[in-house]
C-alpha atoms as a PDB file:
ATOM      1  CA  MET A   1      -6.391 -17.448  20.428  1.00  0.00           C
ATOM      2  CA  ASN A   2      -3.394 -15.201  21.027  1.00  0.00           C
ATOM      3  CA  GLY A   3      -1.938 -12.769  18.560  1.00  0.00           C
ATOM      4  CA  TRP A   4       0.448  -9.900  18.143  1.00  0.00           C
ATOM      5  CA  LEU A   5      -0.314  -6.613  16.345  1.00  0.00           C
ATOM      6  CA  ILE A   6       3.114  -5.388  15.175  1.00  0.00           C
ATOM      7  CA  TYR A   7       3.432  -1.722  14.238  1.00  0.00           C
ATOM      8  CA  ASN A   8       6.336   0.634  13.703  1.00  0.00           C
ATOM      9  CA  GLY A   9       7.748   2.023  16.938  1.00  0.00           C
ATOM     10  CA  SER A  10       8.618   5.311  15.311  1.00  0.00           C
ATOM     11  CA  LEU A  11       4.991   6.075  14.299  1.00  0.00           C
ATOM     12  CA  LYS A  12       3.238   7.410  17.347  1.00  0.00           C
ATOM     13  CA  THR A  13       0.688   9.735  15.851  1.00  0.00           C
ATOM     14  CA  GLU A  14      -2.955   9.814  16.944  1.00  0.00           C
ATOM     15  CA  LYS A  15      -4.043   8.410  13.553  1.00  0.00           C
ATOM     16  CA  PHE A  16      -2.072   5.196  14.076  1.00  0.00           C
ATOM     17  CA  GLN A  17      -3.118   4.872  17.685  1.00  0.00           C
ATOM     18  CA  GLN A  18      -6.779   5.052  16.678  1.00  0.00           C
ATOM     19  CA  VAL A  19      -6.262   2.120  14.288  1.00  0.00           C
ATOM     20  CA  HIS A  20      -4.580   0.057  16.972  1.00  0.00           C
ATOM     21  CA  THR A  21      -7.323   0.782  19.524  1.00  0.00           C
ATOM     22  CA  ARG A  22      -9.963  -0.296  16.980  1.00  0.00           C
ATOM     23  CA  TYR A  23      -8.206  -3.648  16.437  1.00  0.00           C
ATOM     24  CA  LEU A  24      -7.864  -4.165  20.219  1.00  0.00           C
ATOM     25  CA  ARG A  25     -11.548  -3.450  20.742  1.00  0.00           C
ATOM     26  CA  GLN A  26     -12.658  -5.834  17.989  1.00  0.00           C
ATOM     27  CA  ALA A  27     -10.244  -8.571  19.090  1.00  0.00           C
ATOM     28  CA  LYS A  28     -11.731  -8.552  22.611  1.00  0.00           C
ATOM     29  CA  LYS A  29     -15.213  -8.934  21.096  1.00  0.00           C
ATOM     30  CA  GLN A  30     -14.020 -11.993  19.175  1.00  0.00           C
ATOM     31  CA  GLY A  31     -12.277 -13.593  22.179  1.00  0.00           C
ATOM     32  CA  ILE A  32      -8.787 -12.886  20.817  1.00  0.00           C
ATOM     33  CA  GLU A  33      -5.990 -11.921  23.155  1.00  0.00           C
ATOM     34  CA  LEU A  34      -4.271  -9.327  20.933  1.00  0.00           C
ATOM     35  CA  THR A  35      -1.108  -7.686  22.167  1.00  0.00           C
ATOM     36  CA  LEU A  36       0.466  -4.493  20.676  1.00  0.00           C
ATOM     37  CA  LYS A  37       4.121  -4.938  19.803  1.00  0.00           C
ATOM     38  CA  ARG A  38       6.438  -2.284  18.429  1.00  0.00           C
ATOM     39  CA  ASN A  39       8.746  -3.674  15.772  1.00  0.00           C
ATOM     40  CA  ASP A  40      11.682  -2.653  17.979  1.00  0.00           C
ATOM     41  CA  GLU A  41      10.300  -4.786  20.776  1.00  0.00           C
ATOM     42  CA  VAL A  42      10.526  -8.019  18.795  1.00  0.00           C
ATOM     43  CA  MET A  43      14.090  -9.315  18.468  1.00  0.00           C
ATOM     44  CA  VAL A  44      14.964 -12.377  16.401  1.00  0.00           C
ATOM     45  CA  LEU A  45      18.383 -13.980  16.978  1.00  0.00           C
ATOM     46  CA  LEU A  46      20.114 -15.182  13.830  1.00  0.00           C
ATOM     47  CA  GLY A  47      22.624 -17.894  14.572  1.00  0.00           C
ATOM     48  CA  GLU A  48      24.251 -20.865  12.926  1.00  0.00           C
ATOM     49  CA  ALA A  49      21.483 -22.916  11.254  1.00  0.00           C
ATOM     50  CA  HIS A  50      18.726 -21.447  13.389  1.00  0.00           C
ATOM     51  CA  LEU A  51      16.545 -18.487  14.211  1.00  0.00           C
ATOM     52  CA  SER A  52      14.915 -17.885  17.548  1.00  0.00           C
ATOM     53  CA  LEU A  53      12.798 -15.233  19.323  1.00  0.00           C
ATOM     54  CA  THR A  54      14.726 -13.751  22.210  1.00  0.00           C
ATOM     55  CA  GLN A  55      11.504 -13.488  24.194  1.00  0.00           C
ATOM     56  CA  LEU A  56       9.346 -16.548  23.645  1.00  0.00           C
ATOM     57  CA  GLU A  57       5.590 -16.151  23.902  1.00  0.00           C
ATOM     58  CA  ASN A  58       2.710 -18.386  23.010  1.00  0.00           C
ATOM     59  CA  ILE A  59       1.200 -16.673  19.945  1.00  0.00           C
ATOM     60  CA  ASP A  60      -0.959 -18.101  17.153  1.00  0.00           C
ATOM     61  CA  PHE A  61      -0.670 -15.352  14.540  1.00  0.00           C
ATOM     62  CA  VAL A  62       0.751 -11.936  13.770  1.00  0.00           C
ATOM     63  CA  LEU A  63      -1.214  -9.008  12.365  1.00  0.00           C
ATOM     64  CA  PHE A  64       1.677  -7.172  10.724  1.00  0.00           C
ATOM     65  CA  LEU A  65       0.719  -3.515  10.326  1.00  0.00           C
ATOM     66  CA  ASP A  66       4.240  -2.407   9.481  1.00  0.00           C
ATOM     67  CA  LYS A  67       6.626  -2.370   6.560  1.00  0.00           C
ATOM     68  CA  ASP A  68       9.554  -3.911   8.384  1.00  0.00           C
ATOM     69  CA  VAL A  69       9.761  -6.681   5.753  1.00  0.00           C
ATOM     70  CA  LEU A  70      12.815  -8.419   7.109  1.00  0.00           C
ATOM     71  CA  LEU A  71      11.271  -8.790  10.536  1.00  0.00           C
ATOM     72  CA  ALA A  72       8.168 -10.258   8.937  1.00  0.00           C
ATOM     73  CA  LYS A  73      10.337 -12.745   7.009  1.00  0.00           C
ATOM     74  CA  GLN A  74      12.107 -13.740  10.223  1.00  0.00           C
ATOM     75  CA  LEU A  75       8.861 -14.397  12.019  1.00  0.00           C
ATOM     76  CA  GLU A  76       7.581 -16.485   9.076  1.00  0.00           C
ATOM     77  CA  ALA A  77      10.832 -18.538   9.207  1.00  0.00           C
ATOM     78  CA  LEU A  78       9.931 -19.293  12.829  1.00  0.00           C
ATOM     79  CA  GLY A  79       6.678 -20.771  11.635  1.00  0.00           C
ATOM     80  CA  LEU A  80       4.307 -17.918  12.628  1.00  0.00           C
ATOM     81  CA  PRO A  81       1.339 -17.102  10.412  1.00  0.00           C
ATOM     82  CA  ILE A  82       1.774 -13.487   9.298  1.00  0.00           C
ATOM     83  CA  PHE A  83      -1.025 -11.322   7.886  1.00  0.00           C
ATOM     84  CA  ASN A  84      -0.254  -9.965   5.370  1.00  0.00           C
ATOM     85  CA  THR A  85       2.760 -12.075   4.348  1.00  0.00           C
ATOM     86  CA  SER A  86       6.237 -10.609   4.092  1.00  0.00           C
ATOM     87  CA  GLN A  87       6.200 -11.108   0.318  1.00  0.00           C
ATOM     88  CA  ALA A  88       2.911  -9.316  -0.089  1.00  0.00           C
ATOM     89  CA  ILE A  89       3.952  -6.460   2.031  1.00  0.00           C
ATOM     90  CA  GLU A  90       7.274  -6.146   0.183  1.00  0.00           C
ATOM     91  CA  GLN A  91       5.553  -6.095  -3.188  1.00  0.00           C
ATOM     92  CA  CYS A  92       3.125  -3.357  -2.121  1.00  0.00           C
ATOM     93  CA  ASP A  93       5.640  -1.214  -0.258  1.00  0.00           C
ATOM     94  CA  ASN A  94       7.860  -0.865  -3.356  1.00  0.00           C
ATOM     95  CA  LYS A  95       5.591   0.770  -5.941  1.00  0.00           C
ATOM     96  CA  GLY A  96       7.951  -0.206  -8.805  1.00  0.00           C
ATOM     97  CA  LEU A  97       7.778  -3.848  -7.733  1.00  0.00           C
ATOM     98  CA  MET A  98       4.013  -3.618  -7.223  1.00  0.00           C
ATOM     99  CA  HIS A  99       3.455  -2.373 -10.781  1.00  0.00           C
ATOM    100  CA  HIS A 100       5.881  -4.999 -12.131  1.00  0.00           C
ATOM    101  CA  VAL A 101       3.858  -7.804 -10.443  1.00  0.00           C
ATOM    102  CA  LEU A 102       0.572  -6.357 -11.591  1.00  0.00           C
ATOM    103  CA  ALA A 103       1.889  -6.187 -15.205  1.00  0.00           C
ATOM    104  CA  THR A 104       2.990  -9.815 -15.135  1.00  0.00           C
ATOM    105  CA  LYS A 105      -0.514 -10.771 -13.952  1.00  0.00           C
ATOM    106  CA  GLY A 106      -2.293  -8.757 -16.620  1.00  0.00           C
ATOM    107  CA  ILE A 107      -3.820  -6.237 -14.251  1.00  0.00           C
ATOM    108  CA  ARG A 108      -4.945  -2.960 -15.869  1.00  0.00           C
ATOM    109  CA  GLN A 109      -2.866   0.000 -14.703  1.00  0.00           C
ATOM    110  CA  PRO A 110      -1.384   3.226 -16.030  1.00  0.00           C
ATOM    111  CA  LYS A 111       1.675   2.947 -18.346  1.00  0.00           C
ATOM    112  CA  THR A 112       4.642   2.865 -15.936  1.00  0.00           C
ATOM    113  CA  ILE A 113       8.400   3.210 -16.317  1.00  0.00           C
ATOM    114  CA  VAL A 114      10.746   2.447 -13.412  1.00  0.00           C
ATOM    115  CA  ALA A 115      13.730   4.752 -13.057  1.00  0.00           C
ATOM    116  CA  PRO A 116      17.146   3.120 -13.526  1.00  0.00           C
ATOM    117  CA  LEU A 117      19.434   2.450 -10.536  1.00  0.00           C
ATOM    118  CA  ILE A 118      22.058   5.183 -10.273  1.00  0.00           C
ATOM    119  CA  PHE A 119      25.014   4.917  -7.890  1.00  0.00           C
ATOM    120  CA  GLN A 120      26.465   7.991  -6.181  1.00  0.00           C
ATOM    121  CA  THR A 121      29.262   8.694  -8.632  1.00  0.00           C
ATOM    122  CA  GLY A 122      28.490  12.409  -9.195  1.00  0.00           C
ATOM    123  CA  GLN A 123      26.977  11.828 -12.666  1.00  0.00           C
ATOM    124  CA  SER A 124      23.740  13.532 -13.695  1.00  0.00           C
ATOM    125  CA  PHE A 125      20.585  11.689 -14.450  1.00  0.00           C
ATOM    126  CA  PRO A 126      20.772  10.415 -18.082  1.00  0.00           C
ATOM    127  CA  GLU A 127      18.827  12.774 -20.343  1.00  0.00           C
ATOM    128  CA  ALA A 128      18.444  10.168 -23.070  1.00  0.00           C
ATOM    129  CA  PHE A 129      16.361   8.076 -20.690  1.00  0.00           C
ATOM    130  CA  LEU A 130      14.078  11.065 -19.929  1.00  0.00           C
ATOM    131  CA  ASP A 131      13.697  11.665 -23.689  1.00  0.00           C
ATOM    132  CA  ARG A 132      12.278   8.151 -23.997  1.00  0.00           C
ATOM    133  CA  VAL A 133      10.039   8.761 -20.962  1.00  0.00           C
ATOM    134  CA  LYS A 134       8.648  11.887 -22.619  1.00  0.00           C
ATOM    135  CA  GLU A 135       8.081  10.055 -25.972  1.00  0.00           C
ATOM    136  CA  THR A 136       6.341   7.158 -24.243  1.00  0.00           C
ATOM    137  CA  LEU A 137       4.201   8.939 -21.703  1.00  0.00           C
ATOM    138  CA  GLY A 138       3.877  12.488 -22.933  1.00  0.00           C
ATOM    139  CA  PHE A 139       3.040  15.500 -20.711  1.00  0.00           C
ATOM    140  CA  PRO A 140       1.745  15.944 -18.179  1.00  0.00           C
ATOM    141  CA  LEU A 141       3.028  12.856 -16.449  1.00  0.00           C
ATOM    142  CA  VAL A 142       3.416  11.663 -12.850  1.00  0.00           C
ATOM    143  CA  VAL A 143       6.717  11.272 -11.029  1.00  0.00           C
ATOM    144  CA  LYS A 144       6.376   9.010  -7.975  1.00  0.00           C
ATOM    145  CA  LYS A 145       8.764   7.880  -5.312  1.00  0.00           C
ATOM    146  CA  SER A 146       8.708   4.083  -4.980  1.00  0.00           C
ATOM    147  CA  PHE A 147       8.402   4.250  -1.234  1.00  0.00           C
ATOM    148  CA  GLY A 148       5.855   6.472   0.454  1.00  0.00           C
ATOM    149  CA  SER A 149       2.291   6.791   1.766  1.00  0.00           C
ATOM    150  CA  PHE A 150      -0.607   9.253   1.978  1.00  0.00           C
ATOM    151  CA  GLY A 151       0.163  10.706  -1.466  1.00  0.00           C
ATOM    152  CA  GLU A 152       3.611  11.943  -0.429  1.00  0.00           C
ATOM    153  CA  GLY A 153       6.362  11.922  -3.021  1.00  0.00           C
ATOM    154  CA  VAL A 154       3.885  12.079  -5.931  1.00  0.00           C
ATOM    155  CA  TYR A 155       4.378  14.944  -8.375  1.00  0.00           C
ATOM    156  CA  LEU A 156       2.530  16.137 -11.494  1.00  0.00           C
ATOM    157  CA  VAL A 157       5.093  17.164 -14.105  1.00  0.00           C
ATOM    158  CA  GLU A 158       4.156  19.231 -17.160  1.00  0.00           C
ATOM    159  CA  THR A 159       7.400  20.218 -18.780  1.00  0.00           C
ATOM    160  CA  MET A 160      10.727  18.688 -19.792  1.00  0.00           C
ATOM    161  CA  ALA A 161      12.515  21.134 -17.510  1.00  0.00           C
ATOM    162  CA  ALA A 162      10.496  20.059 -14.573  1.00  0.00           C
ATOM    163  CA  LEU A 163      11.017  16.364 -15.446  1.00  0.00           C
ATOM    164  CA  LYS A 164      14.774  16.918 -15.488  1.00  0.00           C
ATOM    165  CA  GLN A 165      14.626  18.775 -12.187  1.00  0.00           C
ATOM    166  CA  TYR A 166      12.691  16.065 -10.345  1.00  0.00           C
ATOM    167  CA  SER A 167      14.782  13.250 -11.852  1.00  0.00           C
ATOM    168  CA  GLU A 168      17.981  14.880 -10.845  1.00  0.00           C
ATOM    169  CA  ALA A 169      16.730  15.442  -7.322  1.00  0.00           C
ATOM    170  CA  LEU A 170      15.533  11.802  -7.036  1.00  0.00           C
ATOM    171  CA  LYS A 171      18.373  10.111  -8.971  1.00  0.00           C
ATOM    172  CA  HIS A 172      19.554   8.241  -5.818  1.00  0.00           C
ATOM    173  CA  THR A 173      15.961   7.557  -4.682  1.00  0.00           C
ATOM    174  CA  PRO A 174      13.951   4.658  -6.197  1.00  0.00           C
ATOM    175  CA  HIS A 175      11.154   6.257  -8.206  1.00  0.00           C
ATOM    176  CA  LEU A 176       9.061   5.743 -11.322  1.00  0.00           C
ATOM    177  CA  TYR A 177       7.309   7.617 -14.102  1.00  0.00           C
ATOM    178  CA  GLN A 178       3.616   7.127 -14.803  1.00  0.00           C
ATOM    179  CA  GLN A 179       0.915   8.019 -17.319  1.00  0.00           C
ATOM    180  CA  TYR A 180      -1.253  10.743 -16.056  1.00  0.00           C
ATOM    181  CA  ILE A 181      -4.961   9.839 -16.150  1.00  0.00           C
ATOM    182  CA  GLN A 182      -6.509  13.213 -16.863  1.00  0.00           C
ATOM    183  CA  SER A 183     -10.061  11.844 -16.583  1.00  0.00           C
ATOM    184  CA  SER A 184      -9.453  10.970 -12.951  1.00  0.00           C
ATOM    185  CA  HIS A 185      -7.900  14.231 -11.860  1.00  0.00           C
ATOM    186  CA  GLY A 186      -8.656  14.717  -8.172  1.00  0.00           C
ATOM    187  CA  ARG A 187     -10.802  11.653  -7.732  1.00  0.00           C
ATOM    188  CA  ASP A 188     -10.461   7.897  -7.134  1.00  0.00           C
ATOM    189  CA  ILE A 189     -12.166   5.006  -5.469  1.00  0.00           C
ATOM    190  CA  ARG A 190     -10.731   3.284  -2.394  1.00  0.00           C
ATOM    191  CA  ILE A 191     -11.895  -0.297  -2.101  1.00  0.00           C
ATOM    192  CA  HIS A 192     -11.104  -2.573   0.835  1.00  0.00           C
ATOM    193  CA  VAL A 193     -10.834  -6.247  -0.077  1.00  0.00           C
ATOM    194  CA  ILE A 194     -10.578  -9.147   2.328  1.00  0.00           C
ATOM    195  CA  GLY A 195      -9.986 -12.574   0.863  1.00  0.00           C
ATOM    196  CA  ASP A 196     -12.028 -12.584  -2.320  1.00  0.00           C
ATOM    197  CA  GLU A 197     -14.665 -10.127  -1.217  1.00  0.00           C
ATOM    198  CA  VAL A 198     -15.114  -6.350  -1.326  1.00  0.00           C
ATOM    199  CA  VAL A 199     -16.150  -5.283   2.223  1.00  0.00           C
ATOM    200  CA  ALA A 200     -16.145  -1.439   1.951  1.00  0.00           C
ATOM    201  CA  SER A 201     -15.534   1.347  -0.493  1.00  0.00           C
ATOM    202  CA  MET A 202     -15.618   5.145  -0.819  1.00  0.00           C
ATOM    203  CA  LEU A 203     -15.188   7.824  -3.381  1.00  0.00           C
ATOM    204  CA  ARG A 204     -12.443  10.317  -2.687  1.00  0.00           C
ATOM    205  CA  GLN A 205     -12.443  13.748  -4.405  1.00  0.00           C
ATOM    206  CA  SER A 206     -10.304  16.819  -4.213  1.00  0.00           C
ATOM    207  CA  ASP A 207     -11.069  20.277  -5.615  1.00  0.00           C
ATOM    208  CA  THR A 208      -7.505  21.541  -4.983  1.00  0.00           C
ATOM    209  CA  ASP A 209      -5.118  18.659  -5.907  1.00  0.00           C
ATOM    210  CA  PHE A 210      -4.687  16.045  -8.593  1.00  0.00           C
ATOM    211  CA  ARG A 211      -4.288  13.526  -5.799  1.00  0.00           C
ATOM    212  CA  ALA A 212      -7.540  12.479  -4.066  1.00  0.00           C
ATOM    213  CA  ASN A 213      -5.938  11.360  -0.749  1.00  0.00           C
ATOM    214  CA  VAL A 214      -7.915  12.499   2.289  1.00  0.00           C
ATOM    215  CA  THR A 215      -4.651  13.438   4.016  1.00  0.00           C
ATOM    216  CA  ASN A 216      -4.019  15.958   1.214  1.00  0.00           C
ATOM    217  CA  GLY A 217      -7.495  17.514   1.585  1.00  0.00           C
ATOM    218  CA  GLY A 218      -9.665  15.048  -0.336  1.00  0.00           C
ATOM    219  CA  LYS A 219     -13.272  14.548   0.663  1.00  0.00           C
ATOM    220  CA  MET A 220     -14.736  11.110   1.083  1.00  0.00           C
ATOM    221  CA  SER A 221     -18.236   9.809   0.398  1.00  0.00           C
ATOM    222  CA  VAL A 222     -20.158   6.601   0.120  1.00  0.00           C
ATOM    223  CA  VAL A 223     -20.367   5.245  -3.409  1.00  0.00           C
ATOM    224  CA  ASP A 224     -22.128   2.393  -5.197  1.00  0.00           C
ATOM    225  CA  VAL A 225     -19.161   0.624  -6.781  1.00  0.00           C
ATOM    226  CA  PRO A 226     -19.782  -0.985 -10.186  1.00  0.00           C
ATOM    227  CA  ASP A 227     -19.019  -4.665 -10.482  1.00  0.00           C
ATOM    228  CA  ASP A 228     -16.059  -4.135 -12.831  1.00  0.00           C
ATOM    229  CA  PHE A 229     -14.394  -1.962 -10.190  1.00  0.00           C
ATOM    230  CA  LYS A 230     -14.933  -4.652  -7.581  1.00  0.00           C
ATOM    231  CA  ARG A 231     -13.574  -7.377  -9.872  1.00  0.00           C
ATOM    232  CA  LEU A 232     -10.431  -5.422 -10.638  1.00  0.00           C
ATOM    233  CA  ALA A 233      -9.806  -4.651  -6.940  1.00  0.00           C
ATOM    234  CA  ILE A 234     -10.135  -8.339  -6.104  1.00  0.00           C
ATOM    235  CA  GLU A 235      -7.902  -9.385  -8.975  1.00  0.00           C
ATOM    236  CA  ALA A 236      -5.198  -6.921  -7.974  1.00  0.00           C
ATOM    237  CA  THR A 237      -5.375  -8.094  -4.352  1.00  0.00           C
ATOM    238  CA  GLN A 238      -5.011 -11.731  -5.396  1.00  0.00           C
ATOM    239  CA  ALA A 239      -2.243 -10.990  -7.891  1.00  0.00           C
ATOM    240  CA  LEU A 240      -0.146  -9.548  -5.061  1.00  0.00           C
ATOM    241  CA  GLY A 241      -0.915 -12.428  -2.667  1.00  0.00           C
ATOM    242  CA  LEU A 242      -2.703 -10.228  -0.119  1.00  0.00           C
ATOM    243  CA  ASP A 243      -5.157 -11.502   2.526  1.00  0.00           C
ATOM    244  CA  PHE A 244      -6.525  -7.985   2.826  1.00  0.00           C
ATOM    245  CA  SER A 245      -5.894  -4.689   0.994  1.00  0.00           C
ATOM    246  CA  GLY A 246      -6.898  -1.157   0.227  1.00  0.00           C
ATOM    247  CA  VAL A 247      -7.019  -0.728  -3.579  1.00  0.00           C
ATOM    248  CA  ASP A 248      -7.073   2.709  -5.173  1.00  0.00           C
ATOM    249  CA  LEU A 249      -8.737   2.757  -8.570  1.00  0.00           C
ATOM    250  CA  LEU A 250      -8.685   5.582 -11.104  1.00  0.00           C
ATOM    251  CA  PHE A 251     -11.271   6.402 -13.818  1.00  0.00           C
ATOM    252  CA  ASP A 252     -10.178   6.197 -17.476  1.00  0.00           C
ATOM    253  CA  GLN A 253     -11.775   8.297 -20.213  1.00  0.00           C
ATOM    254  CA  ASP A 254     -14.652   5.793 -20.474  1.00  0.00           C
ATOM    255  CA  GLU A 255     -15.121   5.803 -16.666  1.00  0.00           C
ATOM    256  CA  GLN A 256     -13.606   2.274 -16.541  1.00  0.00           C
ATOM    257  CA  PRO A 257     -11.257   1.274 -13.588  1.00  0.00           C
ATOM    258  CA  VAL A 258      -7.470   1.488 -13.644  1.00  0.00           C
ATOM    259  CA  VAL A 259      -5.374   0.384 -10.686  1.00  0.00           C
ATOM    260  CA  CYS A 260      -3.418   3.299  -9.180  1.00  0.00           C
ATOM    261  CA  GLU A 261      -2.077   1.570  -6.101  1.00  0.00           C
ATOM    262  CA  VAL A 262      -2.584  -1.454  -3.815  1.00  0.00           C
ATOM    263  CA  ASN A 263      -1.957  -0.981  -0.120  1.00  0.00           C
ATOM    264  CA  SER A 264      -0.995  -3.933   2.078  1.00  0.00           C
ATOM    265  CA  ASN A 265      -1.868  -2.217   5.345  1.00  0.00           C
ATOM    266  CA  ALA A 266      -4.326   0.529   4.389  1.00  0.00           C
ATOM    267  CA  HIS A 267      -5.649   2.749   7.179  1.00  0.00           C
ATOM    268  CA  ILE A 268      -9.133   1.881   8.157  1.00  0.00           C
ATOM    269  CA  GLU A 269     -10.304   4.979  10.093  1.00  0.00           C
ATOM    270  CA  ASN A 270     -11.337   7.013   7.068  1.00  0.00           C
ATOM    271  CA  ILE A 271     -13.410   4.182   5.526  1.00  0.00           C
ATOM    272  CA  TYR A 272     -15.153   3.761   8.926  1.00  0.00           C
ATOM    273  CA  HIS A 273     -16.054   7.458   9.154  1.00  0.00           C
ATOM    274  CA  ALA A 274     -17.304   7.435   5.527  1.00  0.00           C
ATOM    275  CA  THR A 275     -19.333   4.211   5.602  1.00  0.00           C
ATOM    276  CA  GLY A 276     -19.760   3.073   9.202  1.00  0.00           C
ATOM    277  CA  ILE A 277     -18.093  -0.213   8.301  1.00  0.00           C
ATOM    278  CA  ASP A 278     -15.399  -1.461  10.736  1.00  0.00           C
ATOM    279  CA  VAL A 279     -12.948  -3.287   8.461  1.00  0.00           C
ATOM    280  CA  SER A 280     -10.890  -4.434  11.492  1.00  0.00           C
ATOM    281  CA  GLU A 281     -13.766  -6.748  12.504  1.00  0.00           C
ATOM    282  CA  ARG A 282     -13.746  -8.429   9.106  1.00  0.00           C
ATOM    283  CA  ILE A 283      -9.946  -8.701   8.934  1.00  0.00           C
ATOM    284  CA  LEU A 284      -9.797 -10.430  12.340  1.00  0.00           C
ATOM    285  CA  THR A 285     -12.596 -12.793  11.359  1.00  0.00           C
ATOM    286  CA  HIS A 286     -10.672 -13.659   8.200  1.00  0.00           C
ATOM    287  CA  ILE A 287      -7.477 -14.318  10.201  1.00  0.00           C
ATOM    288  CA  LEU A 288      -9.383 -16.628  12.578  1.00  0.00           C
ATOM    289  CA  THR A 289     -10.655 -18.721   9.624  1.00  0.00           C
ATOM    290  CA  ARG A 290      -7.109 -18.916   8.171  1.00  0.00           C
ATOM    291  CA  VAL A 291      -5.394 -19.817  11.413  1.00  0.00           C
END
């Protein structure tokens, strides 16, 4: 079995390299010839009534650990099995689209309002829209960029003046407004789902930030996840058409789960250090069964 692991060529940090090494090591154990490919190494030629790879290789699947959605779509059009699919990646990468899809599937999540599209005409962000945001969500509320990872571009806003300031700064950037779940301040649960099964989970907590992300200083620990949390994580994963995911769940005032975010290519190093579970092994096994 031969496969590609496609990653973004502009991300060369140690954190990403550790993930790639883990997949390569597990692939070797399972008899898979897995080759690392930067997204800028894979060129698809678009011509009249056809697509073709400029460098043909005998591959059986692609593990797509990137957000270069158009490249994923091109590879799918060539008949290659892609994990996760381009549609699933696209829906998770755009948080506004993700929450839209979850809402249409009846998945429990914070109240969310997507910011309107504003062209660069020099006009200010419409205050009447922000008045309705305030009336609907109240303060504090969360302003969140639609594209971003590791808790970046997520802001806790407590006043109308701050809301106007962030909205004006982001008016040409896709973003959304979200209900602030006070009962989950600085804590959430990360659950890794593969297929229809929860394979690993951890509690993340921060004493210094409303975001629980480990990158922002959150601490991780093993947690016995209640069944209702597991069910919601699986339902959210399936609603978005994912083969595997990392689902972040918040706690409401009754300690019940609420979907904060669903990641199509969640990092797996932190969950390994917290639990000792190598998610890469389970993902590759799942891909083999699908291919």
